[in-house]
C-alpha atoms as a PDB file:
ATOM      1  CA  MET A   1     -13.637  12.549   0.880  1.00  0.00           C
ATOM      2  CA  THR A   2     -14.815  11.041  -2.382  1.00  0.00           C
ATOM      3  CA  THR A   3     -14.561   7.549  -0.900  1.00  0.00           C
ATOM      4  CA  LEU A   4     -16.544   8.613   2.180  1.00  0.00           C
ATOM      5  CA  TRP A   5     -19.230  10.133  -0.048  1.00  0.00           C
ATOM      6  CA  ARG A   6     -19.469   6.959  -2.143  1.00  0.00           C
ATOM      7  CA  MET A   7     -19.750   4.775   0.959  1.00  0.00           C
ATOM      8  CA  GLU A   8     -22.362   7.075   2.503  1.00  0.00           C
ATOM      9  CA  SER A   9     -24.397   7.220  -0.717  1.00  0.00           C
ATOM     10  CA  ASN A  10     -24.467   3.408  -0.634  1.00  0.00           C
ATOM     11  CA  GLY A  11     -25.968   3.254   2.849  1.00  0.00           C
ATOM     12  CA  ILE A  12     -22.985   3.341   5.219  1.00  0.00           C
ATOM     13  CA  ALA A  13     -23.649   5.810   8.040  1.00  0.00           C
ATOM     14  CA  ARG A  14     -21.096   8.650   8.137  1.00  0.00           C
ATOM     15  CA  GLU A  15     -20.627   8.265  11.895  1.00  0.00           C
ATOM     16  CA  ARG A  16     -19.378   4.707  11.312  1.00  0.00           C
ATOM     17  CA  MET A  17     -16.552   5.897   9.039  1.00  0.00           C
ATOM     18  CA  MET A  18     -13.306   7.764   9.511  1.00  0.00           C
ATOM     19  CA  ALA A  19     -10.788   9.247   7.093  1.00  0.00           C
ATOM     20  CA  LEU A  20      -7.172   9.369   8.200  1.00  0.00           C
ATOM     21  CA  ASN A  21      -4.537  11.693   6.814  1.00  0.00           C
ATOM     22  CA  PHE A  22      -1.187  10.673   8.238  1.00  0.00           C
ATOM     23  CA  THR A  23       0.725  13.382  10.104  1.00  0.00           C
ATOM     24  CA  ASP A  24       3.770  12.973   7.863  1.00  0.00           C
ATOM     25  CA  PRO A  25       2.613  11.034   4.797  1.00  0.00           C
ATOM     26  CA  LEU A  26       5.939  11.069   2.959  1.00  0.00           C
ATOM     27  CA  ALA A  27       8.304   8.149   3.460  1.00  0.00           C
ATOM     28  CA  ARG A  28      11.834   8.594   4.716  1.00  0.00           C
ATOM     29  CA  SER A  29      14.735   8.100   2.327  1.00  0.00           C
ATOM     30  CA  ASP A  30      16.054   5.528   4.818  1.00  0.00           C
ATOM     31  CA  ASP A  31      13.305   4.126   7.056  1.00  0.00           C
ATOM     32  CA  LYS A  32      15.649   3.836  10.060  1.00  0.00           C
ATOM     33  CA  VAL A  33      16.998   7.416   9.899  1.00  0.00           C
ATOM     34  CA  ALA A  34      14.856  10.280  11.237  1.00  0.00           C
ATOM     35  CA  GLN A  35      14.016  12.867   8.606  1.00  0.00           C
ATOM     36  CA  ALA A  36      12.035  16.095   9.055  1.00  0.00           C
ATOM     37  CA  ASN A  37       8.403  15.941   7.889  1.00  0.00           C
ATOM     38  CA  ARG A  38       8.704  12.279   6.887  1.00  0.00           C
ATOM     39  CA  SER A  39       7.548   9.151   8.686  1.00  0.00           C
ATOM     40  CA  SER A  40       8.850   5.644   9.130  1.00  0.00           C
ATOM     41  CA  THR A  41       6.750   2.568   8.464  1.00  0.00           C
ATOM     42  CA  ASP A  42       6.518   2.112  12.232  1.00  0.00           C
ATOM     43  CA  ASP A  43       5.296   5.721  12.693  1.00  0.00           C
ATOM     44  CA  GLN A  44       2.448   5.063  10.283  1.00  0.00           C
ATOM     45  CA  ARG A  45       1.636   1.688  11.847  1.00  0.00           C
ATOM     46  CA  ARG A  46       1.298   3.316  15.265  1.00  0.00           C
ATOM     47  CA  GLU A  47      -0.810   6.199  13.918  1.00  0.00           C
ATOM     48  CA  LEU A  48      -3.162   3.800  12.114  1.00  0.00           C
ATOM     49  CA  ALA A  49      -3.459   1.570  15.202  1.00  0.00           C
ATOM     50  CA  VAL A  50      -4.546   4.617  17.257  1.00  0.00           C
ATOM     51  CA  ALA A  51      -7.125   5.553  14.595  1.00  0.00           C
ATOM     52  CA  ILE A  52      -8.496   1.987  14.574  1.00  0.00           C
ATOM     53  CA  ALA A  53      -8.828   2.003  18.370  1.00  0.00           C
ATOM     54  CA  GLU A  54     -10.622   5.372  18.248  1.00  0.00           C
ATOM     55  CA  LEU A  55     -13.062   4.218  15.551  1.00  0.00           C
ATOM     56  CA  LYS A  56     -13.813   1.039  17.490  1.00  0.00           C
ATOM     57  CA  ARG A  57     -14.367   3.076  20.672  1.00  0.00           C
ATOM     58  CA  ARG A  58     -16.591   5.611  18.921  1.00  0.00           C
ATOM     59  CA  THR A  59     -18.737   3.064  17.065  1.00  0.00           C
ATOM     60  CA  GLY A  60     -18.663   0.091  19.426  1.00  0.00           C
ATOM     61  CA  ALA A  61     -17.554  -2.124  16.529  1.00  0.00           C
ATOM     62  CA  ALA A  62     -15.521  -5.224  17.335  1.00  0.00           C
ATOM     63  CA  ARG A  63     -13.587  -4.974  14.053  1.00  0.00           C
ATOM     64  CA  VAL A  64     -13.206  -2.440  11.256  1.00  0.00           C
ATOM     65  CA  ALA A  65     -12.826  -2.589   7.489  1.00  0.00           C
ATOM     66  CA  LEU A  66      -9.853  -0.628   6.163  1.00  0.00           C
ATOM     67  CA  VAL A  67      -9.372   0.924   2.723  1.00  0.00           C
ATOM     68  CA  GLY A  68      -5.924   2.258   1.895  1.00  0.00           C
ATOM     69  CA  SER A  69      -4.385   3.884  -1.129  1.00  0.00           C
ATOM     70  CA  SER A  70      -0.735   3.737  -2.135  1.00  0.00           C
ATOM     71  CA  ARG A  71       1.479   3.977   0.987  1.00  0.00           C
ATOM     72  CA  GLY A  72      -1.632   3.694   3.181  1.00  0.00           C
ATOM     73  CA  GLY A  73      -1.883   0.079   2.065  1.00  0.00           C
ATOM     74  CA  TYR A  74       1.551  -0.594   3.524  1.00  0.00           C
ATOM     75  CA  ALA A  75       0.381   0.797   6.874  1.00  0.00           C
ATOM     76  CA  ILE A  76      -2.667  -1.486   6.763  1.00  0.00           C
ATOM     77  CA  ARG A  77      -0.541  -4.558   6.037  1.00  0.00           C
ATOM     78  CA  ASN A  78       1.880  -3.530   8.789  1.00  0.00           C
ATOM     79  CA  VAL A  79      -0.931  -3.235  11.367  1.00  0.00           C
ATOM     80  CA  ILE A  80      -2.375  -6.612  10.378  1.00  0.00           C
ATOM     81  CA  LYS A  81       1.038  -8.314  10.442  1.00  0.00           C
ATOM     82  CA  ASN A  82       2.094  -6.802  13.780  1.00  0.00           C
ATOM     83  CA  GLY A  83      -0.723  -7.557  16.190  1.00  0.00           C
ATOM     84  CA  GLY A  84      -3.762  -5.761  14.761  1.00  0.00           C
ATOM     85  CA  ALA A  85      -5.310  -8.567  12.697  1.00  0.00           C
ATOM     86  CA  GLY A  86      -8.037  -9.166  15.284  1.00  0.00           C
ATOM     87  CA  ASP A  87      -9.226  -5.571  14.864  1.00  0.00           C
ATOM     88  CA  VAL A  88      -9.607  -5.801  11.076  1.00  0.00           C
ATOM     89  CA  SER A  89     -12.486  -7.517   9.284  1.00  0.00           C
ATOM     90  CA  HIS A  90     -11.486  -6.539   5.717  1.00  0.00           C
ATOM     91  CA  ALA A  91      -8.572  -4.783   4.044  1.00  0.00           C
ATOM     92  CA  VAL A  92      -8.818  -3.185   0.608  1.00  0.00           C
ATOM     93  CA  LEU A  93      -5.519  -1.999  -0.865  1.00  0.00           C
ATOM     94  CA  CYS A  94      -5.774   0.400  -3.828  1.00  0.00           C
ATOM     95  CA  GLY A  95      -2.655   1.116  -5.807  1.00  0.00           C
ATOM     96  CA  THR A  96      -0.415  -0.490  -3.187  1.00  0.00           C
ATOM     97  CA  PRO A  97       2.458  -2.502  -4.661  1.00  0.00           C
ATOM     98  CA  ASN A  98       2.076  -6.169  -3.798  1.00  0.00           C
ATOM     99  CA  HIS A  99       5.111  -8.382  -4.225  1.00  0.00           C
END
């Protein structure tokens, strides 16, 4: 919410933004093994792709800028790498480990 407020106070219309809280934000111990209340990298990629499509539909934007923190940055990179690059104009990764 703080990020939305900062963007809005700098002239970005609230209706052109969206905040996403992943359904199961915690990572699995083993990404390939289902675990209650935890998501795989692919789960998060799919959930982010749906959110991007919804924001584009709602705003009419051709592409969106994404800001992700920590594990959210991994989801952003995963979307871009696996077919979503054309939907993304900018990606800002905050506190996401980069090789």
